[in-house]
Amino acid sequence: MFKMFMADRRLQSWSPDGSITGATVTGFTTPAYTQVDDTPPAQNAKQKTVTALTGTQGSATANSASSPFTETFYKPQILRGLPPANPVTGLRGQIPTNQWKLVVRKGCNSAAGVPGSIIGRLTIDVPAGVETYNPDEIKAFVSYLVGLLNEESADLADTILTGVL
């Protein structure tokens, strides 16, 4: 099954486009973000920095030295595989997970002269072996997650703004 999966798969890495179309959020008109490659904080990461905003986005700002607007995607430092099966019982020990992490930082001001950063962290724990044994489950998970975030972007923003779930 792994060979078949690899044969029809175009190998790609995390590489968001230089321009990202923003999701629908109340009060913004056709938001888009221009981003460039940046130096990541770790060897097992890739980072992009938002250098320009387009559309109507109120007082939102692009990245600056004192107000970051970045996204960093981390892969596990060590990709773990399945432990060997017990030769007598055929059972495996505890299945390890490989944790992927996306961190988005956006500089802001809490009040006049009071800078801060909004930080969003998304971690994805993938049981070792599923990427070869059942890759469609990973595809379905990612498809759902991205669709959910895209569909719920305005509600997520409103929930964070109002505190109402």
N, C-alpha and C. Protein backbone atom coordinates (compact mmCIF):
# COMPACT_ATOMS: atom_id res chain seq x y z
N MET A 1 0.82 -1.20 0.00
CA MET A 1 0.00 0.00 0.00
C MET A 1 0.86 1.26 0.00
N PHE A 2 1.98 1.23 0.75
CA PHE A 2 2.85 2.39 0.81
C PHE A 2 3.40 2.74 -0.56
N LYS A 3 3.83 1.73 -1.31
CA LYS A 3 4.38 1.99 -2.64
C LYS A 3 3.33 2.64 -3.53
N MET A 4 2.09 2.16 -3.45
CA MET A 4 1.02 2.73 -4.26
C MET A 4 0.78 4.17 -3.84
N PHE A 5 0.78 4.44 -2.54
CA PHE A 5 0.58 5.79 -2.03
C PHE A 5 1.68 6.71 -2.54
N MET A 6 2.92 6.27 -2.46
CA MET A 6 4.03 7.10 -2.88
C MET A 6 4.06 7.30 -4.39
N ALA A 7 3.60 6.30 -5.16
CA ALA A 7 3.64 6.39 -6.61
C ALA A 7 2.71 7.49 -7.13
N ASP A 8 1.54 7.67 -6.52
CA ASP A 8 0.61 8.67 -7.02
C ASP A 8 0.67 9.98 -6.24
N ARG A 9 1.62 10.11 -5.37
CA ARG A 9 1.71 11.29 -4.53
C ARG A 9 2.80 12.22 -5.06
N ARG A 10 2.47 13.48 -5.21
CA ARG A 10 3.46 14.49 -5.56
C ARG A 10 4.05 15.00 -4.25
N LEU A 11 5.32 14.74 -4.05
CA LEU A 11 5.95 15.14 -2.80
C LEU A 11 6.06 16.65 -2.75
N GLN A 12 5.50 17.23 -1.73
CA GLN A 12 5.55 18.67 -1.52
C GLN A 12 5.84 18.93 -0.06
N SER A 13 6.37 20.10 0.20
CA SER A 13 6.62 20.47 1.59
C SER A 13 5.77 21.68 1.93
N TRP A 14 5.73 22.00 3.19
CA TRP A 14 5.00 23.18 3.66
C TRP A 14 5.57 24.39 2.96
N SER A 15 4.77 25.03 2.16
CA SER A 15 5.25 26.22 1.43
C SER A 15 4.07 27.10 1.06
N PRO A 16 3.55 27.84 2.04
CA PRO A 16 2.45 28.75 1.73
C PRO A 16 2.86 29.72 0.62
N ASP A 17 1.89 30.09 -0.19
CA ASP A 17 2.14 31.01 -1.30
C ASP A 17 2.63 32.36 -0.79
N GLY A 18 3.18 33.15 -1.71
CA GLY A 18 3.63 34.48 -1.37
C GLY A 18 2.48 35.43 -1.09
N SER A 19 1.29 35.05 -1.52
CA SER A 19 0.10 35.85 -1.24
C SER A 19 -0.98 34.92 -0.71
N ILE A 20 -1.54 35.25 0.41
CA ILE A 20 -2.59 34.46 1.03
C ILE A 20 -3.89 35.26 1.01
N THR A 21 -4.95 34.65 0.47
CA THR A 21 -6.26 35.28 0.51
C THR A 21 -6.84 35.05 1.89
N GLY A 22 -7.16 36.12 2.56
CA GLY A 22 -7.72 36.01 3.90
C GLY A 22 -9.14 35.47 3.86
N ALA A 23 -9.52 34.81 4.94
CA ALA A 23 -10.88 34.28 5.06
C ALA A 23 -11.83 35.43 5.37
N THR A 24 -13.11 35.16 5.18
CA THR A 24 -14.14 36.15 5.43
C THR A 24 -14.23 36.48 6.91
N VAL A 25 -14.08 37.74 7.26
CA VAL A 25 -14.23 38.24 8.62
C VAL A 25 -15.01 39.54 8.55
N THR A 26 -16.00 39.67 9.38
CA THR A 26 -16.85 40.86 9.39
C THR A 26 -16.01 42.13 9.51
N GLY A 27 -16.24 43.10 8.62
CA GLY A 27 -15.54 44.38 8.67
C GLY A 27 -14.32 44.45 7.76
N PHE A 28 -13.85 43.33 7.26
CA PHE A 28 -12.73 43.32 6.33
C PHE A 28 -13.28 43.08 4.92
N THR A 29 -12.70 43.79 3.95
CA THR A 29 -13.09 43.62 2.56
C THR A 29 -11.91 43.08 1.79
N THR A 30 -12.08 41.93 1.17
CA THR A 30 -11.06 41.23 0.38
C THR A 30 -9.66 41.28 1.01
N PRO A 31 -9.54 40.78 2.24
CA PRO A 31 -8.21 40.81 2.88
C PRO A 31 -7.26 39.84 2.21
N ALA A 32 -6.03 40.29 2.03
CA ALA A 32 -4.97 39.44 1.49
C ALA A 32 -3.66 39.83 2.15
N TYR A 33 -2.74 38.88 2.18
CA TYR A 33 -1.49 39.06 2.90
C TYR A 33 -0.33 38.64 2.02
N THR A 34 0.63 39.54 1.82
CA THR A 34 1.84 39.22 1.08
C THR A 34 2.87 38.76 2.10
N GLN A 35 3.50 37.61 1.83
CA GLN A 35 4.47 37.11 2.78
C GLN A 35 5.73 36.63 2.07
N VAL A 36 6.83 36.64 2.82
CA VAL A 36 8.12 36.21 2.29
C VAL A 36 8.73 35.20 3.25
N ASP A 37 9.69 34.43 2.72
CA ASP A 37 10.42 33.50 3.58
C ASP A 37 11.19 34.29 4.63
N ASP A 38 11.27 33.72 5.82
CA ASP A 38 11.98 34.35 6.92
C ASP A 38 12.87 33.29 7.57
N THR A 39 13.77 33.71 8.41
CA THR A 39 14.63 32.77 9.12
C THR A 39 13.86 32.18 10.29
N PRO A 40 13.68 30.86 10.30
CA PRO A 40 12.92 30.25 11.40
C PRO A 40 13.75 30.20 12.69
N PRO A 41 13.07 30.08 13.82
CA PRO A 41 13.76 30.05 15.10
C PRO A 41 14.41 28.70 15.42
N ALA A 42 14.14 27.68 14.61
CA ALA A 42 14.69 26.35 14.85
C ALA A 42 15.00 25.69 13.52
N GLN A 43 15.92 24.73 13.55
CA GLN A 43 16.33 24.04 12.33
C GLN A 43 15.21 23.18 11.74
N ASN A 44 14.28 22.72 12.57
CA ASN A 44 13.20 21.86 12.10
C ASN A 44 11.93 22.66 11.79
N ALA A 45 12.10 23.91 11.36
CA ALA A 45 10.95 24.78 11.10
C ALA A 45 11.14 25.57 9.82
N LYS A 46 10.01 26.05 9.29
CA LYS A 46 9.98 27.01 8.19
C LYS A 46 9.17 28.20 8.68
N GLN A 47 9.54 29.39 8.23
CA GLN A 47 8.83 30.58 8.69
C GLN A 47 8.58 31.54 7.54
N LYS A 48 7.42 32.18 7.58
CA LYS A 48 7.05 33.24 6.65
C LYS A 48 6.71 34.48 7.46
N THR A 49 6.94 35.64 6.87
CA THR A 49 6.62 36.91 7.50
C THR A 49 5.72 37.70 6.57
N VAL A 50 4.66 38.26 7.12
CA VAL A 50 3.71 39.07 6.34
C VAL A 50 4.30 40.46 6.18
N THR A 51 4.55 40.84 4.92
CA THR A 51 5.19 42.13 4.65
C THR A 51 4.21 43.21 4.17
N ALA A 52 3.02 42.79 3.74
CA ALA A 52 2.05 43.77 3.26
C ALA A 52 0.64 43.21 3.39
N LEU A 53 -0.31 44.10 3.61
CA LEU A 53 -1.72 43.76 3.69
C LEU A 53 -2.45 44.49 2.57
N THR A 54 -3.42 43.84 1.95
CA THR A 54 -4.23 44.50 0.94
C THR A 54 -5.70 44.33 1.30
N GLY A 55 -6.53 45.06 0.59
CA GLY A 55 -7.94 45.07 0.92
C GLY A 55 -8.17 46.06 2.05
N THR A 56 -9.37 46.07 2.57
CA THR A 56 -9.70 46.95 3.69
C THR A 56 -9.58 46.14 4.96
N GLN A 57 -8.62 46.52 5.83
CA GLN A 57 -8.38 45.77 7.07
C GLN A 57 -8.25 46.69 8.27
N GLY A 58 -8.94 47.83 8.21
CA GLY A 58 -8.93 48.73 9.35
C GLY A 58 -7.52 49.16 9.70
N SER A 59 -7.16 49.05 10.98
CA SER A 59 -5.84 49.49 11.44
C SER A 59 -4.83 48.35 11.54
N ALA A 60 -5.15 47.19 10.98
CA ALA A 60 -4.22 46.05 11.01
C ALA A 60 -2.93 46.43 10.29
N THR A 61 -1.82 45.86 10.76
CA THR A 61 -0.51 46.20 10.20
C THR A 61 0.26 44.94 9.79
N ALA A 62 1.21 45.15 8.90
CA ALA A 62 2.13 44.09 8.48
C ALA A 62 3.21 43.94 9.55
N ASN A 63 4.13 43.01 9.32
CA ASN A 63 5.22 42.75 10.25
C ASN A 63 6.14 43.96 10.38
N SER A 64 6.64 44.16 11.58
CA SER A 64 7.72 45.12 11.83
C SER A 64 8.58 44.53 12.95
N ALA A 65 9.73 45.15 13.19
CA ALA A 65 10.63 44.62 14.22
C ALA A 65 9.95 44.58 15.59
N SER A 66 9.10 45.54 15.87
CA SER A 66 8.46 45.58 17.20
C SER A 66 7.05 45.01 17.22
N SER A 67 6.54 44.60 16.05
CA SER A 67 5.18 44.08 15.97
C SER A 67 5.15 42.93 14.96
N PRO A 68 5.43 41.72 15.41
CA PRO A 68 5.57 40.60 14.47
C PRO A 68 4.25 40.19 13.82
N PHE A 69 4.37 39.68 12.60
CA PHE A 69 3.25 39.04 11.91
C PHE A 69 3.89 37.89 11.13
N THR A 70 3.98 36.74 11.78
CA THR A 70 4.69 35.60 11.22
C THR A 70 3.90 34.32 11.41
N GLU A 71 4.26 33.32 10.61
CA GLU A 71 3.78 31.96 10.84
C GLU A 71 4.98 31.04 10.76
N THR A 72 5.06 30.12 11.71
CA THR A 72 6.16 29.17 11.77
C THR A 72 5.58 27.76 11.84
N PHE A 73 6.05 26.89 10.98
CA PHE A 73 5.57 25.51 10.96
C PHE A 73 6.73 24.60 11.35
N TYR A 74 6.52 23.82 12.42
CA TYR A 74 7.55 22.93 12.96
C TYR A 74 7.21 21.48 12.62
N LYS A 75 8.22 20.75 12.19
CA LYS A 75 8.06 19.30 12.08
C LYS A 75 8.70 18.67 13.32
N PRO A 76 8.35 17.43 13.65
CA PRO A 76 8.98 16.80 14.81
C PRO A 76 10.50 16.75 14.63
N GLN A 77 11.24 16.95 15.71
CA GLN A 77 12.69 16.88 15.61
C GLN A 77 13.14 15.49 15.22
N ILE A 78 12.45 14.49 15.71
CA ILE A 78 12.72 13.10 15.34
C ILE A 78 11.40 12.47 14.94
N LEU A 79 11.32 11.98 13.71
CA LEU A 79 10.11 11.29 13.28
C LEU A 79 10.17 9.86 13.79
N ARG A 80 9.18 9.51 14.61
CA ARG A 80 9.15 8.19 15.22
C ARG A 80 8.36 7.21 14.36
N GLY A 81 8.78 5.96 14.38
CA GLY A 81 8.07 4.91 13.67
C GLY A 81 7.37 3.99 14.66
N LEU A 82 6.71 2.98 14.15
CA LEU A 82 6.04 2.01 15.00
C LEU A 82 7.06 1.18 15.77
N PRO A 83 6.78 0.84 17.01
CA PRO A 83 7.66 -0.09 17.72
C PRO A 83 7.47 -1.48 17.12
N PRO A 84 8.48 -2.34 17.24
CA PRO A 84 8.32 -3.69 16.68
C PRO A 84 7.25 -4.47 17.44
N ALA A 85 6.62 -5.38 16.72
CA ALA A 85 5.61 -6.24 17.34
C ALA A 85 6.31 -7.28 18.22
N ASN A 86 5.65 -7.65 19.30
CA ASN A 86 6.15 -8.72 20.16
C ASN A 86 6.13 -10.00 19.34
N PRO A 87 7.25 -10.73 19.27
CA PRO A 87 7.30 -11.91 18.42
C PRO A 87 6.35 -13.03 18.87
N VAL A 88 5.96 -13.03 20.14
CA VAL A 88 5.07 -14.07 20.65
C VAL A 88 3.60 -13.67 20.50
N THR A 89 3.27 -12.46 20.97
CA THR A 89 1.86 -12.04 20.98
C THR A 89 1.45 -11.27 19.73
N GLY A 90 2.43 -10.68 19.03
CA GLY A 90 2.11 -9.86 17.88
C GLY A 90 1.67 -8.45 18.27
N LEU A 91 1.57 -8.18 19.55
CA LEU A 91 1.14 -6.87 20.02
C LEU A 91 2.30 -5.89 20.01
N ARG A 92 1.97 -4.64 19.91
CA ARG A 92 2.98 -3.59 19.95
C ARG A 92 2.87 -2.84 21.26
N GLY A 93 3.97 -2.23 21.65
CA GLY A 93 3.94 -1.39 22.85
C GLY A 93 3.18 -0.11 22.55
N GLN A 94 3.33 0.86 23.42
CA GLN A 94 2.65 2.14 23.24
C GLN A 94 3.08 2.76 21.91
N ILE A 95 2.10 3.21 21.12
CA ILE A 95 2.37 3.80 19.82
C ILE A 95 2.76 5.26 20.02
N PRO A 96 3.96 5.65 19.58
CA PRO A 96 4.36 7.05 19.74
C PRO A 96 3.62 7.94 18.76
N THR A 97 3.64 9.24 19.01
CA THR A 97 3.05 10.19 18.08
C THR A 97 4.14 11.13 17.58
N ASN A 98 3.93 11.64 16.40
CA ASN A 98 4.80 12.65 15.82
C ASN A 98 4.02 13.96 15.86
N GLN A 99 4.56 14.97 16.56
CA GLN A 99 3.83 16.22 16.75
C GLN A 99 4.32 17.30 15.79
N TRP A 100 3.38 17.81 15.00
CA TRP A 100 3.61 18.92 14.09
C TRP A 100 2.99 20.15 14.74
N LYS A 101 3.57 21.33 14.55
CA LYS A 101 3.06 22.51 15.23
C LYS A 101 3.10 23.73 14.31
N LEU A 102 2.00 24.47 14.30
CA LEU A 102 1.91 25.73 13.57
C LEU A 102 1.73 26.84 14.61
N VAL A 103 2.57 27.86 14.53
CA VAL A 103 2.48 28.99 15.46
C VAL A 103 2.34 30.25 14.62
N VAL A 104 1.30 31.03 14.89
CA VAL A 104 1.06 32.30 14.20
C VAL A 104 1.16 33.40 15.25
N ARG A 105 1.97 34.43 14.94
CA ARG A 105 2.15 35.56 15.85
C ARG A 105 1.71 36.84 15.14
N LYS A 106 0.96 37.68 15.86
CA LYS A 106 0.51 38.96 15.30
C LYS A 106 0.68 40.03 16.37
N GLY A 107 1.54 41.01 16.08
CA GLY A 107 1.74 42.11 17.01
C GLY A 107 0.48 42.94 17.15
N CYS A 108 0.32 43.53 18.32
CA CYS A 108 -0.88 44.33 18.60
C CYS A 108 -0.56 45.32 19.71
N ASN A 109 -1.53 46.15 20.02
CA ASN A 109 -1.43 47.06 21.16
C ASN A 109 -2.66 46.83 22.03
N SER A 110 -2.44 46.66 23.32
CA SER A 110 -3.54 46.49 24.26
C SER A 110 -4.12 47.83 24.68
N ALA A 111 -3.32 48.86 24.61
CA ALA A 111 -3.71 50.23 24.90
C ALA A 111 -2.62 51.10 24.30
N ALA A 112 -2.79 52.41 24.36
CA ALA A 112 -1.77 53.31 23.81
C ALA A 112 -0.43 53.03 24.48
N GLY A 113 0.56 52.70 23.67
CA GLY A 113 1.90 52.45 24.19
C GLY A 113 2.07 51.13 24.93
N VAL A 114 1.09 50.21 24.79
CA VAL A 114 1.17 48.91 25.48
C VAL A 114 1.17 47.80 24.41
N PRO A 115 2.38 47.48 23.89
CA PRO A 115 2.45 46.46 22.84
C PRO A 115 2.31 45.04 23.39
N GLY A 116 1.88 44.16 22.52
CA GLY A 116 1.75 42.75 22.88
C GLY A 116 1.76 41.92 21.61
N SER A 117 1.56 40.63 21.74
CA SER A 117 1.48 39.74 20.59
C SER A 117 0.35 38.75 20.80
N ILE A 118 -0.47 38.57 19.78
CA ILE A 118 -1.46 37.50 19.75
C ILE A 118 -0.71 36.27 19.25
N ILE A 119 -0.82 35.16 19.95
CA ILE A 119 -0.12 33.94 19.54
C ILE A 119 -1.11 32.80 19.46
N GLY A 120 -1.16 32.17 18.28
CA GLY A 120 -2.01 31.00 18.09
C GLY A 120 -1.13 29.78 17.87
N ARG A 121 -1.42 28.70 18.59
CA ARG A 121 -0.64 27.47 18.46
C ARG A 121 -1.57 26.32 18.09
N LEU A 122 -1.25 25.65 17.01
CA LEU A 122 -1.99 24.47 16.60
C LEU A 122 -1.01 23.32 16.58
N THR A 123 -1.29 22.27 17.34
CA THR A 123 -0.43 21.09 17.31
C THR A 123 -1.23 19.93 16.75
N ILE A 124 -0.56 19.09 16.01
CA ILE A 124 -1.18 17.93 15.39
C ILE A 124 -0.37 16.71 15.78
N ASP A 125 -0.97 15.82 16.55
CA ASP A 125 -0.31 14.59 16.97
C ASP A 125 -0.75 13.45 16.06
N VAL A 126 0.20 12.88 15.33
CA VAL A 126 -0.09 11.82 14.37
C VAL A 126 0.52 10.51 14.88
N PRO A 127 -0.30 9.48 15.11
CA PRO A 127 0.25 8.21 15.54
C PRO A 127 1.25 7.67 14.51
N ALA A 128 2.39 7.24 14.99
CA ALA A 128 3.42 6.71 14.09
C ALA A 128 2.85 5.57 13.26
N GLY A 129 3.16 5.57 11.99
CA GLY A 129 2.75 4.50 11.09
C GLY A 129 1.52 4.80 10.27
N VAL A 130 0.66 5.71 10.73
CA VAL A 130 -0.58 5.97 9.99
C VAL A 130 -0.28 6.59 8.62
N GLU A 131 0.84 7.33 8.51
CA GLU A 131 1.17 7.98 7.23
C GLU A 131 1.45 6.96 6.13
N THR A 132 1.84 5.76 6.49
CA THR A 132 2.07 4.73 5.47
C THR A 132 0.94 3.72 5.40
N TYR A 133 0.34 3.40 6.53
CA TYR A 133 -0.71 2.37 6.56
C TYR A 133 -2.06 2.92 6.12
N ASN A 134 -2.37 4.15 6.49
CA ASN A 134 -3.70 4.68 6.23
C ASN A 134 -3.62 6.17 5.90
N PRO A 135 -2.91 6.55 4.81
CA PRO A 135 -2.70 7.97 4.51
C PRO A 135 -3.98 8.74 4.23
N ASP A 136 -5.03 8.07 3.75
CA ASP A 136 -6.27 8.79 3.50
C ASP A 136 -6.88 9.36 4.77
N GLU A 137 -6.61 8.75 5.91
CA GLU A 137 -7.13 9.30 7.17
C GLU A 137 -6.45 10.63 7.48
N ILE A 138 -5.16 10.74 7.17
CA ILE A 138 -4.46 12.01 7.36
C ILE A 138 -5.04 13.05 6.40
N LYS A 139 -5.25 12.66 5.15
CA LYS A 139 -5.81 13.59 4.17
C LYS A 139 -7.19 14.09 4.61
N ALA A 140 -8.02 13.18 5.10
CA ALA A 140 -9.37 13.56 5.56
C ALA A 140 -9.28 14.49 6.76
N PHE A 141 -8.36 14.20 7.68
CA PHE A 141 -8.17 15.05 8.86
C PHE A 141 -7.78 16.47 8.44
N VAL A 142 -6.79 16.58 7.55
CA VAL A 142 -6.31 17.90 7.13
C VAL A 142 -7.40 18.63 6.34
N SER A 143 -8.08 17.93 5.46
CA SER A 143 -9.15 18.55 4.68
C SER A 143 -10.23 19.12 5.61
N TYR A 144 -10.62 18.32 6.58
CA TYR A 144 -11.64 18.78 7.52
C TYR A 144 -11.13 19.97 8.34
N LEU A 145 -9.91 19.87 8.87
CA LEU A 145 -9.35 20.92 9.72
C LEU A 145 -9.28 22.26 8.98
N VAL A 146 -8.73 22.24 7.78
CA VAL A 146 -8.61 23.48 7.03
C VAL A 146 -9.98 24.02 6.63
N GLY A 147 -10.85 23.13 6.19
CA GLY A 147 -12.21 23.56 5.86
C GLY A 147 -12.93 24.15 7.06
N LEU A 148 -12.76 23.51 8.21
CA LEU A 148 -13.38 24.01 9.44
C LEU A 148 -12.85 25.38 9.81
N LEU A 149 -11.52 25.55 9.78
CA LEU A 149 -10.93 26.85 10.11
C LEU A 149 -11.37 27.91 9.10
N ASN A 150 -11.41 27.54 7.83
CA ASN A 150 -11.85 28.48 6.81
C ASN A 150 -13.32 28.86 7.00
N GLU A 151 -14.15 27.85 7.21
CA GLU A 151 -15.58 28.10 7.37
C GLU A 151 -15.89 28.87 8.65
N GLU A 152 -15.14 28.60 9.68
CA GLU A 152 -15.42 29.19 10.99
C GLU A 152 -14.58 30.42 11.29
N SER A 153 -13.86 30.95 10.32
CA SER A 153 -12.94 32.06 10.60
C SER A 153 -13.65 33.27 11.20
N ALA A 154 -14.79 33.66 10.65
CA ALA A 154 -15.50 34.81 11.20
C ALA A 154 -16.02 34.50 12.60
N ASP A 155 -16.55 33.28 12.79
CA ASP A 155 -17.05 32.91 14.12
C ASP A 155 -15.92 32.84 15.14
N LEU A 156 -14.76 32.33 14.71
CA LEU A 156 -13.61 32.27 15.61
C LEU A 156 -13.18 33.67 16.03
N ALA A 157 -13.10 34.58 15.05
CA ALA A 157 -12.74 35.97 15.38
C ALA A 157 -13.78 36.58 16.31
N ASP A 158 -15.07 36.38 16.01
CA ASP A 158 -16.13 36.94 16.86
C ASP A 158 -16.08 36.36 18.27
N THR A 159 -15.81 35.05 18.39
CA THR A 159 -15.74 34.41 19.70
C THR A 159 -14.59 34.98 20.51
N ILE A 160 -13.43 35.19 19.87
CA ILE A 160 -12.29 35.76 20.59
C ILE A 160 -12.59 37.19 20.98
N LEU A 161 -13.28 37.94 20.10
CA LEU A 161 -13.60 39.34 20.39
C LEU A 161 -14.63 39.49 21.51
N THR A 162 -15.65 38.61 21.51
CA THR A 162 -16.75 38.76 22.47
C THR A 162 -16.63 37.89 23.71
N GLY A 163 -15.87 36.81 23.60
CA GLY A 163 -15.78 35.87 24.71
C GLY A 163 -16.98 34.93 24.78
N VAL A 164 -17.86 35.01 23.79
CA VAL A 164 -19.07 34.18 23.78
C VAL A 164 -18.83 32.98 22.89
N LEU A 165 -19.02 31.79 23.45
CA LEU A 165 -18.81 30.56 22.69
C LEU A 165 -20.10 30.06 22.09
